[in-house]
Amino acid sequence: MKTKRIFSNTALRSLTAAALLFGSMAMLRAEDATKISTDEAMAAVVTKVAPDYPALAKQLRLSGTVEVQATMNEEGDVTDVNAISGNPVLAKAATDAVKKWKFKPFKSKVTTTILVGFHGA
């Protein structure tokens, strides 16, 4: 049986190149930051915003911890946050909260892992 080609070879090469470019950009963003420990980052917290408990999580009585990777600039502002693990229902609330955190200034751009707890729904 003959298969039908959906994309031309040129289109496939372009899509592959775009995927590689975006993947490389994401890796570069993480690589250009100095990794610091969670303890070091938590010692530098100036303002910590508690997450809003999602209504669905309350209804389901969900609790747990969401692990996020956060990147901060030299001024201590959070510039990027991504959930690494934890309940997906809680993940957005965790990342939204950490985006609002403020840290003491750093010598360079840094990245760390932060644990955000949701307990007592």
PDB file of N, CA and C in Angstrom:
ATOM      1  N   MET A   1       0.837  -1.166   0.000  1.00  0.00           N
ATOM      2  CA  MET A   1       0.000   0.000   0.000  1.00  0.00           C
ATOM      3  C   MET A   1       0.891   1.241   0.000  1.00  0.00           C
ATOM      4  N   LYS A   2       0.554   2.191  -0.780  1.00  0.00           N
ATOM      5  CA  LYS A   2       1.322   3.423  -0.900  1.00  0.00           C
ATOM      6  C   LYS A   2       0.817   4.438   0.125  1.00  0.00           C
ATOM      7  N   THR A   3       1.766   5.067   0.849  1.00  0.00           N
ATOM      8  CA  THR A   3       1.372   6.069   1.836  1.00  0.00           C
ATOM      9  C   THR A   3       1.352   7.447   1.201  1.00  0.00           C
ATOM     10  N   LYS A   4       0.469   8.271   1.707  1.00  0.00           N
ATOM     11  CA  LYS A   4       0.334   9.624   1.188  1.00  0.00           C
ATOM     12  C   LYS A   4       1.258  10.552   1.979  1.00  0.00           C
ATOM     13  N   ARG A   5       2.026  11.351   1.292  1.00  0.00           N
ATOM     14  CA  ARG A   5       2.947  12.284   1.925  1.00  0.00           C
ATOM     15  C   ARG A   5       2.174  13.531   2.344  1.00  0.00           C
ATOM     16  N   ILE A   6       2.285  13.890   3.621  1.00  0.00           N
ATOM     17  CA  ILE A   6       1.572  15.058   4.141  1.00  0.00           C
ATOM     18  C   ILE A   6       2.415  16.319   3.975  1.00  0.00           C
ATOM     19  N   PHE A   7       3.720  16.216   4.245  1.00  0.00           N
ATOM     20  CA  PHE A   7       4.623  17.352   4.131  1.00  0.00           C
ATOM     21  C   PHE A   7       5.659  17.080   3.051  1.00  0.00           C
ATOM     22  N   SER A   8       6.076  18.135   2.365  1.00  0.00           N
ATOM     23  CA  SER A   8       7.164  17.993   1.407  1.00  0.00           C
ATOM     24  C   SER A   8       8.475  17.852   2.173  1.00  0.00           C
ATOM     25  N   ASN A   9       9.513  17.395   1.482  1.00  0.00           N
ATOM     26  CA  ASN A   9      10.824  17.273   2.131  1.00  0.00           C
ATOM     27  C   ASN A   9      11.313  18.617   2.645  1.00  0.00           C
ATOM     28  N   THR A  10      11.070  19.678   1.903  1.00  0.00           N
ATOM     29  CA  THR A  10      11.485  21.018   2.318  1.00  0.00           C
ATOM     30  C   THR A  10      10.749  21.431   3.583  1.00  0.00           C
ATOM     31  N   ALA A  11       9.458  21.155   3.634  1.00  0.00           N
ATOM     32  CA  ALA A  11       8.672  21.501   4.826  1.00  0.00           C
ATOM     33  C   ALA A  11       9.155  20.708   6.034  1.00  0.00           C
ATOM     34  N   LEU A  12       9.454  19.428   5.835  1.00  0.00           N
ATOM     35  CA  LEU A  12       9.959  18.607   6.940  1.00  0.00           C
ATOM     36  C   LEU A  12      11.293  19.127   7.447  1.00  0.00           C
ATOM     37  N   ARG A  13      12.178  19.518   6.527  1.00  0.00           N
ATOM     38  CA  ARG A  13      13.472  20.081   6.942  1.00  0.00           C
ATOM     39  C   ARG A  13      13.265  21.374   7.723  1.00  0.00           C
ATOM     40  N   SER A  14      12.327  22.203   7.293  1.00  0.00           N
ATOM     41  CA  SER A  14      12.045  23.461   7.989  1.00  0.00           C
ATOM     42  C   SER A  14      11.481  23.206   9.377  1.00  0.00           C
ATOM     43  N   LEU A  15      10.552  22.251   9.486  1.00  0.00           N
ATOM     44  CA  LEU A  15       9.978  21.909  10.791  1.00  0.00           C
ATOM     45  C   LEU A  15      11.035  21.348  11.726  1.00  0.00           C
ATOM     46  N   THR A  16      11.906  20.508  11.210  1.00  0.00           N
ATOM     47  CA  THR A  16      12.980  19.927  12.012  1.00  0.00           C
ATOM     48  C   THR A  16      13.929  21.020  12.485  1.00  0.00           C
ATOM     49  N   ALA A  17      14.291  21.922  11.599  1.00  0.00           N
ATOM     50  CA  ALA A  17      15.184  23.021  11.963  1.00  0.00           C
ATOM     51  C   ALA A  17      14.547  23.906  13.029  1.00  0.00           C
ATOM     52  N   ALA A  18      13.252  24.189  12.891  1.00  0.00           N
ATOM     53  CA  ALA A  18      12.557  25.018  13.880  1.00  0.00           C
ATOM     54  C   ALA A  18      12.525  24.320  15.239  1.00  0.00           C
ATOM     55  N   ALA A  19      12.244  23.025  15.252  1.00  0.00           N
ATOM     56  CA  ALA A  19      12.211  22.268  16.504  1.00  0.00           C
ATOM     57  C   ALA A  19      13.582  22.284  17.180  1.00  0.00           C
ATOM     58  N   LEU A  20      14.629  22.097  16.397  1.00  0.00           N
ATOM     59  CA  LEU A  20      15.985  22.128  16.957  1.00  0.00           C
ATOM     60  C   LEU A  20      16.322  23.506  17.502  1.00  0.00           C
ATOM     61  N   LEU A  21      15.920  24.552  16.790  1.00  0.00           N
ATOM     62  CA  LEU A  21      16.190  25.913  17.216  1.00  0.00           C
ATOM     63  C   LEU A  21      15.494  26.214  18.535  1.00  0.00           C
ATOM     64  N   PHE A  22      14.197  25.899  18.623  1.00  0.00           N
ATOM     65  CA  PHE A  22      13.460  26.173  19.856  1.00  0.00           C
ATOM     66  C   PHE A  22      13.988  25.334  21.006  1.00  0.00           C
ATOM     67  N   GLY A  23      14.333  24.096  20.769  1.00  0.00           N
ATOM     68  CA  GLY A  23      14.915  23.247  21.803  1.00  0.00           C
ATOM     69  C   GLY A  23      16.238  23.801  22.282  1.00  0.00           C
ATOM     70  N   SER A  24      17.054  24.268  21.357  1.00  0.00           N
ATOM     71  CA  SER A  24      18.350  24.854  21.713  1.00  0.00           C
ATOM     72  C   SER A  24      18.177  26.130  22.509  1.00  0.00           C
ATOM     73  N   MET A  25      17.171  26.934  22.142  1.00  0.00           N
ATOM     74  CA  MET A  25      16.929  28.183  22.866  1.00  0.00           C
ATOM     75  C   MET A  25      16.533  27.894  24.305  1.00  0.00           C
ATOM     76  N   ALA A  26      15.699  26.900  24.524  1.00  0.00           N
ATOM     77  CA  ALA A  26      15.280  26.542  25.884  1.00  0.00           C
ATOM     78  C   ALA A  26      16.477  26.049  26.685  1.00  0.00           C
ATOM     79  N   MET A  27      17.339  25.252  26.058  1.00  0.00           N
ATOM     80  CA  MET A  27      18.520  24.755  26.754  1.00  0.00           C
ATOM     81  C   MET A  27      19.468  25.895  27.075  1.00  0.00           C
ATOM     82  N   LEU A  28      19.645  26.828  26.168  1.00  0.00           N
ATOM     83  CA  LEU A  28      20.537  27.954  26.416  1.00  0.00           C
ATOM     84  C   LEU A  28      20.031  28.812  27.558  1.00  0.00           C
ATOM     85  N   ARG A  29      18.708  29.005  27.609  1.00  0.00           N
ATOM     86  CA  ARG A  29      18.125  29.818  28.666  1.00  0.00           C
ATOM     87  C   ARG A  29      18.472  29.227  30.030  1.00  0.00           C
ATOM     88  N   ALA A  30      18.378  27.922  30.175  1.00  0.00           N
ATOM     89  CA  ALA A  30      18.684  27.272  31.447  1.00  0.00           C
ATOM     90  C   ALA A  30      20.191  27.213  31.683  1.00  0.00           C
ATOM     91  N   GLU A  31      20.969  27.040  30.634  1.00  0.00           N
ATOM     92  CA  GLU A  31      22.413  26.882  30.780  1.00  0.00           C
ATOM     93  C   GLU A  31      23.119  28.179  31.140  1.00  0.00           C
ATOM     94  N   ASP A  32      22.564  29.330  30.768  1.00  0.00           N
ATOM     95  CA  ASP A  32      23.264  30.578  31.050  1.00  0.00           C
ATOM     96  C   ASP A  32      23.019  31.073  32.475  1.00  0.00           C
ATOM     97  N   ALA A  33      22.300  30.305  33.290  1.00  0.00           N
ATOM     98  CA  ALA A  33      22.060  30.646  34.685  1.00  0.00           C
ATOM     99  C   ALA A  33      22.887  29.735  35.589  1.00  0.00           C
ATOM    100  N   THR A  34      23.380  30.299  36.679  1.00  0.00           N
ATOM    101  CA  THR A  34      24.135  29.537  37.667  1.00  0.00           C
ATOM    102  C   THR A  34      23.156  28.782  38.562  1.00  0.00           C
ATOM    103  N   LYS A  35      23.394  27.504  38.752  1.00  0.00           N
ATOM    104  CA  LYS A  35      22.540  26.677  39.607  1.00  0.00           C
ATOM    105  C   LYS A  35      22.895  26.930  41.070  1.00  0.00           C
ATOM    106  N   ILE A  36      21.868  27.237  41.886  1.00  0.00           N
ATOM    107  CA  ILE A  36      22.087  27.389  43.321  1.00  0.00           C
ATOM    108  C   ILE A  36      21.177  26.404  44.059  1.00  0.00           C
ATOM    109  N   SER A  37      21.523  26.116  45.306  1.00  0.00           N
ATOM    110  CA  SER A  37      20.736  25.158  46.079  1.00  0.00           C
ATOM    111  C   SER A  37      19.412  25.780  46.509  1.00  0.00           C
ATOM    112  N   THR A  38      18.468  24.922  46.829  1.00  0.00           N
ATOM    113  CA  THR A  38      17.174  25.380  47.329  1.00  0.00           C
ATOM    114  C   THR A  38      17.374  26.170  48.619  1.00  0.00           C
ATOM    115  N   ASP A  39      18.239  25.673  49.493  1.00  0.00           N
ATOM    116  CA  ASP A  39      18.495  26.363  50.765  1.00  0.00           C
ATOM    117  C   ASP A  39      19.052  27.770  50.536  1.00  0.00           C
ATOM    118  N   GLU A  40      19.978  27.892  49.598  1.00  0.00           N
ATOM    119  CA  GLU A  40      20.569  29.196  49.287  1.00  0.00           C
ATOM    120  C   GLU A  40      19.509  30.154  48.744  1.00  0.00           C
ATOM    121  N   ALA A  41      18.652  29.643  47.880  1.00  0.00           N
ATOM    122  CA  ALA A  41      17.586  30.470  47.312  1.00  0.00           C
ATOM    123  C   ALA A  41      16.593  30.892  48.395  1.00  0.00           C
ATOM    124  N   MET A  42      16.190  29.944  49.248  1.00  0.00           N
ATOM    125  CA  MET A  42      15.205  30.259  50.284  1.00  0.00           C
ATOM    126  C   MET A  42      15.759  31.271  51.287  1.00  0.00           C
ATOM    127  N   ALA A  43      17.066  31.258  51.507  1.00  0.00           N
ATOM    128  CA  ALA A  43      17.688  32.237  52.403  1.00  0.00           C
ATOM    129  C   ALA A  43      17.671  33.638  51.786  1.00  0.00           C
ATOM    130  N   ALA A  44      17.533  33.716  50.469  1.00  0.00           N
ATOM    131  CA  ALA A  44      17.540  34.999  49.771  1.00  0.00           C
ATOM    132  C   ALA A  44      16.138  35.537  49.492  1.00  0.00           C
ATOM    133  N   VAL A  45      15.090  34.829  49.922  1.00  0.00           N
ATOM    134  CA  VAL A  45      13.716  35.275  49.663  1.00  0.00           C
ATOM    135  C   VAL A  45      13.424  36.542  50.458  1.00  0.00           C
ATOM    136  N   VAL A  46      12.930  37.556  49.768  1.00  0.00           N
ATOM    137  CA  VAL A  46      12.513  38.807  50.396  1.00  0.00           C
ATOM    138  C   VAL A  46      10.990  38.821  50.524  1.00  0.00           C
ATOM    139  N   THR A  47      10.300  38.437  49.452  1.00  0.00           N
ATOM    140  CA  THR A  47       8.840  38.390  49.434  1.00  0.00           C
ATOM    141  C   THR A  47       8.408  37.033  48.918  1.00  0.00           C
ATOM    142  N   LYS A  48       7.597  36.350  49.714  1.00  0.00           N
ATOM    143  CA  LYS A  48       7.109  35.017  49.345  1.00  0.00           C
ATOM    144  C   LYS A  48       5.585  35.078  49.277  1.00  0.00           C
ATOM    145  N   VAL A  49       5.026  34.801  48.109  1.00  0.00           N
ATOM    146  CA  VAL A  49       3.585  34.823  47.905  1.00  0.00           C
ATOM    147  C   VAL A  49       3.048  33.398  47.991  1.00  0.00           C
ATOM    148  N   ALA A  50       2.056  33.199  48.844  1.00  0.00           N
ATOM    149  CA  ALA A  50       1.444  31.876  48.986  1.00  0.00           C
ATOM    150  C   ALA A  50       0.559  31.603  47.767  1.00  0.00           C
ATOM    151  N   PRO A  51       0.516  30.356  47.326  1.00  0.00           N
ATOM    152  CA  PRO A  51      -0.323  30.037  46.168  1.00  0.00           C
ATOM    153  C   PRO A  51      -1.802  30.083  46.518  1.00  0.00           C
ATOM    154  N   ASP A  52      -2.628  30.432  45.534  1.00  0.00           N
ATOM    155  CA  ASP A  52      -4.070  30.333  45.684  1.00  0.00           C
ATOM    156  C   ASP A  52      -4.440  28.874  45.492  1.00  0.00           C
ATOM    157  N   TYR A  53      -5.202  28.339  46.437  1.00  0.00           N
ATOM    158  CA  TYR A  53      -5.610  26.937  46.348  1.00  0.00           C
ATOM    159  C   TYR A  53      -6.669  26.828  45.251  1.00  0.00           C
ATOM    160  N   PRO A  54      -6.433  26.067  44.187  1.00  0.00           N
ATOM    161  CA  PRO A  54      -7.431  25.946  43.116  1.00  0.00           C
ATOM    162  C   PRO A  54      -8.748  25.359  43.644  1.00  0.00           C
ATOM    163  N   ALA A  55      -9.869  25.888  43.158  1.00  0.00           N
ATOM    164  CA  ALA A  55     -11.190  25.428  43.607  1.00  0.00           C
ATOM    165  C   ALA A  55     -11.353  23.919  43.395  1.00  0.00           C
ATOM    166  N   LEU A  56     -10.900  23.421  42.248  1.00  0.00           N
ATOM    167  CA  LEU A  56     -11.012  21.986  41.974  1.00  0.00           C
ATOM    168  C   LEU A  56     -10.210  21.173  42.984  1.00  0.00           C
ATOM    169  N   ALA A  57      -9.035  21.671  43.353  1.00  0.00           N
ATOM    170  CA  ALA A  57      -8.205  20.978  44.336  1.00  0.00           C
ATOM    171  C   ALA A  57      -8.901  20.942  45.696  1.00  0.00           C
ATOM    172  N   LYS A  58      -9.589  22.029  46.041  1.00  0.00           N
ATOM    173  CA  LYS A  58     -10.343  22.049  47.294  1.00  0.00           C
ATOM    174  C   LYS A  58     -11.463  21.014  47.251  1.00  0.00           C
ATOM    175  N   GLN A  59     -12.209  21.008  46.139  1.00  0.00           N
ATOM    176  CA  GLN A  59     -13.319  20.063  46.001  1.00  0.00           C
ATOM    177  C   GLN A  59     -12.840  18.624  46.115  1.00  0.00           C
ATOM    178  N   LEU A  60     -11.703  18.350  45.495  1.00  0.00           N
ATOM    179  CA  LEU A  60     -11.163  16.989  45.497  1.00  0.00           C
ATOM    180  C   LEU A  60     -10.317  16.704  46.739  1.00  0.00           C
ATOM    181  N   ARG A  61     -10.165  17.724  47.587  1.00  0.00           N
ATOM    182  CA  ARG A  61      -9.347  17.613  48.799  1.00  0.00           C
ATOM    183  C   ARG A  61      -7.923  17.162  48.477  1.00  0.00           C
ATOM    184  N   LEU A  62      -7.379  17.780  47.429  1.00  0.00           N
ATOM    185  CA  LEU A  62      -6.013  17.460  47.017  1.00  0.00           C
ATOM    186  C   LEU A  62      -5.015  18.189  47.902  1.00  0.00           C
ATOM    187  N   SER A  63      -3.932  17.524  48.193  1.00  0.00           N
ATOM    188  CA  SER A  63      -2.818  18.154  48.883  1.00  0.00           C
ATOM    189  C   SER A  63      -1.549  17.566  48.294  1.00  0.00           C
ATOM    190  N   GLY A  64      -0.453  18.180  48.603  1.00  0.00           N
ATOM    191  CA  GLY A  64       0.813  17.674  48.097  1.00  0.00           C
ATOM    192  C   GLY A  64       1.789  18.796  47.846  1.00  0.00           C
ATOM    193  N   THR A  65       2.862  18.456  47.191  1.00  0.00           N
ATOM    194  CA  THR A  65       3.933  19.397  46.909  1.00  0.00           C
ATOM    195  C   THR A  65       4.191  19.442  45.411  1.00  0.00           C
ATOM    196  N   VAL A  66       4.400  20.652  44.910  1.00  0.00           N
ATOM    197  CA  VAL A  66       4.771  20.844  43.508  1.00  0.00           C
ATOM    198  C   VAL A  66       6.214  21.329  43.487  1.00  0.00           C
ATOM    199  N   GLU A  67       7.040  20.670  42.704  1.00  0.00           N
ATOM    200  CA  GLU A  67       8.437  21.063  42.551  1.00  0.00           C
ATOM    201  C   GLU A  67       8.537  21.924  41.305  1.00  0.00           C
ATOM    202  N   VAL A  68       9.090  23.128  41.459  1.00  0.00           N
ATOM    203  CA  VAL A  68       9.241  24.030  40.322  1.00  0.00           C
ATOM    204  C   VAL A  68      10.705  24.415  40.156  1.00  0.00           C
ATOM    205  N   GLN A  69      11.071  24.696  38.921  1.00  0.00           N
ATOM    206  CA  GLN A  69      12.397  25.248  38.640  1.00  0.00           C
ATOM    207  C   GLN A  69      12.183  26.726  38.361  1.00  0.00           C
ATOM    208  N   ALA A  70      12.875  27.566  39.111  1.00  0.00           N
ATOM    209  CA  ALA A  70      12.734  29.013  38.964  1.00  0.00           C
ATOM    210  C   ALA A  70      14.063  29.620  38.559  1.00  0.00           C
ATOM    211  N   THR A  71      13.995  30.624  37.696  1.00  0.00           N
ATOM    212  CA  THR A  71      15.169  31.371  37.273  1.00  0.00           C
ATOM    213  C   THR A  71      14.985  32.818  37.719  1.00  0.00           C
ATOM    214  N   MET A  72      16.020  33.377  38.345  1.00  0.00           N
ATOM    215  CA  MET A  72      15.982  34.742  38.817  1.00  0.00           C
ATOM    216  C   MET A  72      17.118  35.545  38.183  1.00  0.00           C
ATOM    217  N   ASN A  73      16.845  36.821  37.918  1.00  0.00           N
ATOM    218  CA  ASN A  73      17.881  37.685  37.357  1.00  0.00           C
ATOM    219  C   ASN A  73      18.726  38.286  38.474  1.00  0.00           C
ATOM    220  N   GLU A  74      19.672  39.120  38.105  1.00  0.00           N
ATOM    221  CA  GLU A  74      20.604  39.706  39.067  1.00  0.00           C
ATOM    222  C   GLU A  74      19.898  40.580  40.097  1.00  0.00           C
ATOM    223  N   GLU A  75      18.753  41.149  39.743  1.00  0.00           N
ATOM    224  CA  GLU A  75      18.007  42.007  40.666  1.00  0.00           C
ATOM    225  C   GLU A  75      17.147  41.209  41.640  1.00  0.00           C
ATOM    226  N   GLY A  76      17.072  39.893  41.456  1.00  0.00           N
ATOM    227  CA  GLY A  76      16.271  39.055  42.337  1.00  0.00           C
ATOM    228  C   GLY A  76      14.837  38.860  41.869  1.00  0.00           C
ATOM    229  N   ASP A  77      14.547  39.287  40.643  1.00  0.00           N
ATOM    230  CA  ASP A  77      13.213  39.092  40.071  1.00  0.00           C
ATOM    231  C   ASP A  77      13.124  37.712  39.436  1.00  0.00           C
ATOM    232  N   VAL A  78      11.993  37.046  39.606  1.00  0.00           N
ATOM    233  CA  VAL A  78      11.771  35.747  38.985  1.00  0.00           C
ATOM    234  C   VAL A  78      11.442  35.988  37.511  1.00  0.00           C
ATOM    235  N   THR A  79      12.216  35.371  36.637  1.00  0.00           N
ATOM    236  CA  THR A  79      12.025  35.584  35.201  1.00  0.00           C
ATOM    237  C   THR A  79      11.424  34.381  34.487  1.00  0.00           C
ATOM    238  N   ASP A  80      11.491  33.203  35.116  1.00  0.00           N
ATOM    239  CA  ASP A  80      10.974  31.998  34.471  1.00  0.00           C
ATOM    240  C   ASP A  80      10.676  30.957  35.545  1.00  0.00           C
ATOM    241  N   VAL A  81       9.527  30.289  35.420  1.00  0.00           N
ATOM    242  CA  VAL A  81       9.153  29.236  36.362  1.00  0.00           C
ATOM    243  C   VAL A  81       8.499  28.104  35.583  1.00  0.00           C
ATOM    244  N   ASN A  82       8.932  26.875  35.859  1.00  0.00           N
ATOM    245  CA  ASN A  82       8.348  25.693  35.224  1.00  0.00           C
ATOM    246  C   ASN A  82       8.124  24.615  36.276  1.00  0.00           C
ATOM    247  N   ALA A  83       6.941  23.997  36.244  1.00  0.00           N
ATOM    248  CA  ALA A  83       6.665  22.886  37.149  1.00  0.00           C
ATOM    249  C   ALA A  83       7.451  21.673  36.675  1.00  0.00           C
ATOM    250  N   ILE A  84       8.119  21.013  37.602  1.00  0.00           N
ATOM    251  CA  ILE A  84       8.918  19.829  37.293  1.00  0.00           C
ATOM    252  C   ILE A  84       8.160  18.562  37.677  1.00  0.00           C
ATOM    253  N   SER A  85       7.514  18.610  38.853  1.00  0.00           N
ATOM    254  CA  SER A  85       6.753  17.456  39.300  1.00  0.00           C
ATOM    255  C   SER A  85       5.653  17.925  40.243  1.00  0.00           C
ATOM    256  N   GLY A  86       4.719  17.048  40.484  1.00  0.00           N
ATOM    257  CA  GLY A  86       3.612  17.354  41.372  1.00  0.00           C
ATOM    258  C   GLY A  86       2.291  17.221  40.642  1.00  0.00           C
ATOM    259  N   ASN A  87       1.223  17.378  41.380  1.00  0.00           N
ATOM    260  CA  ASN A  87      -0.116  17.245  40.825  1.00  0.00           C
ATOM    261  C   ASN A  87      -0.385  18.361  39.813  1.00  0.00           C
ATOM    262  N   PRO A  88      -0.793  18.019  38.593  1.00  0.00           N
ATOM    263  CA  PRO A  88      -1.061  19.033  37.567  1.00  0.00           C
ATOM    264  C   PRO A  88      -2.153  20.033  37.963  1.00  0.00           C
ATOM    265  N   VAL A  89      -3.090  19.619  38.791  1.00  0.00           N
ATOM    266  CA  VAL A  89      -4.147  20.536  39.234  1.00  0.00           C
ATOM    267  C   VAL A  89      -3.555  21.642  40.103  1.00  0.00           C
ATOM    268  N   LEU A  90      -2.479  21.346  40.812  1.00  0.00           N
ATOM    269  CA  LEU A  90      -1.836  22.309  41.702  1.00  0.00           C
ATOM    270  C   LEU A  90      -0.691  23.075  41.034  1.00  0.00           C
ATOM    271  N   ALA A  91      -0.181  22.565  39.934  1.00  0.00           N
ATOM    272  CA  ALA A  91       1.038  23.110  39.313  1.00  0.00           C
ATOM    273  C   ALA A  91       0.906  24.564  38.876  1.00  0.00           C
ATOM    274  N   LYS A  92      -0.187  24.925  38.237  1.00  0.00           N
ATOM    275  CA  LYS A  92      -0.338  26.309  37.758  1.00  0.00           C
ATOM    276  C   LYS A  92      -0.364  27.292  38.924  1.00  0.00           C
ATOM    277  N   ALA A  93      -1.079  26.945  39.988  1.00  0.00           N
ATOM    278  CA  ALA A  93      -1.120  27.816  41.161  1.00  0.00           C
ATOM    279  C   ALA A  93       0.275  27.977  41.764  1.00  0.00           C
ATOM    280  N   ALA A  94       1.045  26.897  41.774  1.00  0.00           N
ATOM    281  CA  ALA A  94       2.408  26.954  42.315  1.00  0.00           C
ATOM    282  C   ALA A  94       3.291  27.869  41.468  1.00  0.00           C
ATOM    283  N   THR A  95       3.257  27.697  40.147  1.00  0.00           N
ATOM    284  CA  THR A  95       4.107  28.531  39.287  1.00  0.00           C
ATOM    285  C   THR A  95       3.657  29.989  39.319  1.00  0.00           C
ATOM    286  N   ASP A  96       2.343  30.230  39.357  1.00  0.00           N
ATOM    287  CA  ASP A  96       1.845  31.609  39.436  1.00  0.00           C
ATOM    288  C   ASP A  96       2.321  32.298  40.707  1.00  0.00           C
ATOM    289  N   ALA A  97       2.334  31.570  41.821  1.00  0.00           N
ATOM    290  CA  ALA A  97       2.783  32.154  43.092  1.00  0.00           C
ATOM    291  C   ALA A  97       4.272  32.469  43.049  1.00  0.00           C
ATOM    292  N   VAL A  98       5.082  31.527  42.602  1.00  0.00           N
ATOM    293  CA  VAL A  98       6.539  31.726  42.598  1.00  0.00           C
ATOM    294  C   VAL A  98       6.934  32.862  41.649  1.00  0.00           C
ATOM    295  N   LYS A  99       6.184  33.079  40.585  1.00  0.00           N
ATOM    296  CA  LYS A  99       6.465  34.202  39.676  1.00  0.00           C
ATOM    297  C   LYS A  99       6.413  35.541  40.410  1.00  0.00           C
ATOM    298  N   LYS A 100       5.666  35.599  41.513  1.00  0.00           N
ATOM    299  CA  LYS A 100       5.491  36.843  42.271  1.00  0.00           C
ATOM    300  C   LYS A 100       6.515  36.991  43.395  1.00  0.00           C
ATOM    301  N   TRP A 101       7.339  35.966  43.621  1.00  0.00           N
ATOM    302  CA  TRP A 101       8.337  36.038  44.680  1.00  0.00           C
ATOM    303  C   TRP A 101       9.419  37.048  44.317  1.00  0.00           C
ATOM    304  N   LYS A 102      10.068  37.568  45.331  1.00  0.00           N
ATOM    305  CA  LYS A 102      11.188  38.492  45.147  1.00  0.00           C
ATOM    306  C   LYS A 102      12.339  38.006  46.006  1.00  0.00           C
ATOM    307  N   PHE A 103      13.547  38.060  45.433  1.00  0.00           N
ATOM    308  CA  PHE A 103      14.759  37.601  46.108  1.00  0.00           C
ATOM    309  C   PHE A 103      15.737  38.750  46.270  1.00  0.00           C
ATOM    310  N   LYS A 104      16.676  38.588  47.198  1.00  0.00           N
ATOM    311  CA  LYS A 104      17.781  39.536  47.305  1.00  0.00           C
ATOM    312  C   LYS A 104      18.557  39.483  45.994  1.00  0.00           C
ATOM    313  N   PRO A 105      19.243  40.547  45.628  1.00  0.00           N
ATOM    314  CA  PRO A 105      20.023  40.519  44.386  1.00  0.00           C
ATOM    315  C   PRO A 105      21.081  39.413  44.388  1.00  0.00           C
ATOM    316  N   PHE A 106      21.328  38.873  43.205  1.00  0.00           N
ATOM    317  CA  PHE A 106      22.343  37.846  43.001  1.00  0.00           C
ATOM    318  C   PHE A 106      23.476  38.436  42.166  1.00  0.00           C
ATOM    319  N   LYS A 107      24.625  37.782  42.171  1.00  0.00           N
ATOM    320  CA  LYS A 107      25.768  38.242  41.378  1.00  0.00           C
ATOM    321  C   LYS A 107      25.572  37.978  39.893  1.00  0.00           C
ATOM    322  N   SER A 108      24.723  37.001  39.586  1.00  0.00           N
ATOM    323  CA  SER A 108      24.437  36.662  38.193  1.00  0.00           C
ATOM    324  C   SER A 108      23.053  36.029  38.137  1.00  0.00           C
ATOM    325  N   LYS A 109      22.605  35.714  36.947  1.00  0.00           N
ATOM    326  CA  LYS A 109      21.337  35.018  36.767  1.00  0.00           C
ATOM    327  C   LYS A 109      21.468  33.635  37.400  1.00  0.00           C
ATOM    328  N   VAL A 110      20.453  33.215  38.184  1.00  0.00           N
ATOM    329  CA  VAL A 110      20.516  31.930  38.870  1.00  0.00           C
ATOM    330  C   VAL A 110      19.258  31.114  38.622  1.00  0.00           C
ATOM    331  N   THR A 111      19.382  29.824  38.826  1.00  0.00           N
ATOM    332  CA  THR A 111      18.246  28.914  38.739  1.00  0.00           C
ATOM    333  C   THR A 111      18.291  27.969  39.931  1.00  0.00           C
ATOM    334  N   THR A 112      17.114  27.579  40.387  1.00  0.00           N
ATOM    335  CA  THR A 112      17.025  26.687  41.540  1.00  0.00           C
ATOM    336  C   THR A 112      15.727  25.910  41.498  1.00  0.00           C
ATOM    337  N   THR A 113      15.621  24.960  42.391  1.00  0.00           N
ATOM    338  CA  THR A 113      14.405  24.175  42.554  1.00  0.00           C
ATOM    339  C   THR A 113      13.718  24.629  43.837  1.00  0.00           C
ATOM    340  N   ILE A 114      12.417  24.853  43.751  1.00  0.00           N
ATOM    341  CA  ILE A 114      11.626  25.296  44.900  1.00  0.00           C
ATOM    342  C   ILE A 114      10.458  24.333  45.079  1.00  0.00           C
ATOM    343  N   LEU A 115      10.172  24.000  46.317  1.00  0.00           N
ATOM    344  CA  LEU A 115       9.034  23.143  46.629  1.00  0.00           C
ATOM    345  C   LEU A 115       7.898  24.017  47.162  1.00  0.00           C
ATOM    346  N   VAL A 116       6.721  23.877  46.556  1.00  0.00           N
ATOM    347  CA  VAL A 116       5.539  24.634  46.961  1.00  0.00           C
ATOM    348  C   VAL A 116       4.520  23.641  47.514  1.00  0.00           C
ATOM    349  N   GLY A 117       4.182  23.809  48.791  1.00  0.00           N
ATOM    350  CA  GLY A 117       3.286  22.867  49.441  1.00  0.00           C
ATOM    351  C   GLY A 117       1.827  23.311  49.446  1.00  0.00           C
ATOM    352  N   PHE A 118       0.961  22.348  49.260  1.00  0.00           N
ATOM    353  CA  PHE A 118      -0.492  22.552  49.336  1.00  0.00           C
ATOM    354  C   PHE A 118      -0.999  21.552  50.363  1.00  0.00           C
ATOM    355  N   HIS A 119      -1.383  22.050  51.547  1.00  0.00           N
ATOM    356  CA  HIS A 119      -1.817  21.150  52.607  1.00  0.00           C
ATOM    357  C   HIS A 119      -3.043  21.749  53.293  1.00  0.00           C
ATOM    358  N   GLY A 120      -3.916  20.894  53.719  1.00  0.00           N
ATOM    359  CA  GLY A 120      -5.095  21.336  54.462  1.00  0.00           C
ATOM    360  C   GLY A 120      -6.185  21.925  53.616  1.00  0.00           C
ATOM    361  N   ALA A 121      -6.544  21.238  52.535  1.00  0.00           N
ATOM    362  CA  ALA A 121      -7.641  21.710  51.691  1.00  0.00           C
ATOM    363  C   ALA A 121      -8.878  21.762  52.530  1.00  0.00           C
TER     364      ALA A 121
END
